[in-house]
Amino acid sequence: MDQPQPSEVMRPIVCTHCHEKQVVRTDGKFGIRFMHAQSVRCLKCGSTFDVILPYQIVAGPYAAS
């Protein structure tokens, strides 16, 4: 896994189908953002599910350590 940039934040997510814990990297910029659904494909089961985060996902998902 490559290192996040200083303005990026690692955020934990959980697959709604198989409940596998994973991590995505978000842009992490400060300030109030509109929270919106973003689609993520699970590493374990391959299903696509929505997560609601205040920042844009820029990379991931990665296996949670």
Protein backbone atom coordinates (compact mmCIF):
# COMPACT_ATOMS: atom_id res chain seq x y z
CA MET A 1 0.00 0.00 0.00
CA ASP A 2 1.46 3.35 -0.98
CA GLN A 3 1.75 6.15 1.56
CA PRO A 4 -1.06 8.76 1.73
CA GLN A 5 -0.29 12.39 0.92
CA PRO A 6 -0.30 14.79 3.92
CA SER A 7 -3.76 16.14 3.03
CA GLU A 8 -5.26 12.64 2.70
CA VAL A 9 -6.96 10.71 5.50
CA MET A 10 -7.39 6.94 5.89
CA ARG A 11 -10.99 6.09 6.84
CA PRO A 12 -12.34 2.69 7.91
CA ILE A 13 -15.41 1.26 6.17
CA VAL A 14 -17.32 -2.04 6.49
CA CYS A 15 -18.90 -4.00 3.63
CA THR A 16 -22.67 -4.11 4.07
CA HIS A 17 -22.81 -7.63 2.56
CA CYS A 18 -19.99 -9.66 4.18
CA HIS A 19 -19.04 -7.20 6.99
CA GLU A 20 -15.34 -7.20 6.00
CA LYS A 21 -13.43 -4.23 7.47
CA GLN A 22 -11.55 -2.18 4.87
CA VAL A 23 -9.89 1.23 4.59
CA VAL A 24 -10.27 3.94 1.93
CA ARG A 25 -8.22 7.08 1.45
CA THR A 26 -10.11 10.39 1.25
CA ASP A 27 -8.92 13.81 0.15
CA GLY A 28 -9.00 15.02 3.78
CA LYS A 29 -9.27 18.72 3.02
CA PHE A 30 -10.50 20.78 5.93
CA GLY A 31 -13.82 22.57 5.99
CA ILE A 32 -17.45 21.56 5.93
CA ARG A 33 -18.39 19.31 3.04
CA PHE A 34 -21.70 17.90 1.89
CA MET A 35 -21.85 14.22 2.81
CA HIS A 36 -22.76 12.05 -0.16
CA ALA A 37 -22.88 8.35 -1.06
CA GLN A 38 -19.90 6.89 -2.89
CA SER A 39 -19.70 3.36 -4.30
CA VAL A 40 -16.96 0.97 -3.17
CA ARG A 41 -16.23 -2.59 -4.36
CA CYS A 42 -15.50 -5.02 -1.51
CA LEU A 43 -12.10 -6.74 -1.54
CA LYS A 44 -13.50 -9.95 -0.03
CA CYS A 45 -16.88 -10.62 -1.68
CA GLY A 46 -16.67 -8.31 -4.72
CA SER A 47 -20.06 -6.65 -4.10
CA THR A 48 -20.51 -2.96 -4.61
CA PHE A 49 -21.91 -0.97 -1.69
CA ASP A 50 -22.38 2.70 -0.85
CA VAL A 51 -20.65 4.55 1.96
CA ILE A 52 -21.45 8.07 3.09
CA LEU A 53 -18.34 10.12 3.77
CA PRO A 54 -17.80 13.89 4.01
CA TYR A 55 -14.82 13.76 1.63
CA GLN A 56 -14.14 12.33 -1.82
CA ILE A 57 -12.56 8.85 -1.93
CA VAL A 58 -9.25 9.08 -3.81
CA ALA A 59 -7.92 5.50 -3.40
CA GLY A 60 -8.77 2.12 -1.98
CA PRO A 61 -10.25 0.04 -0.61
CA TYR A 62 -7.32 -1.58 1.16
CA ALA A 63 -7.32 -4.49 3.58
CA ALA A 64 -7.66 -3.28 7.16
CA SER A 65 -4.68 -4.10 9.32
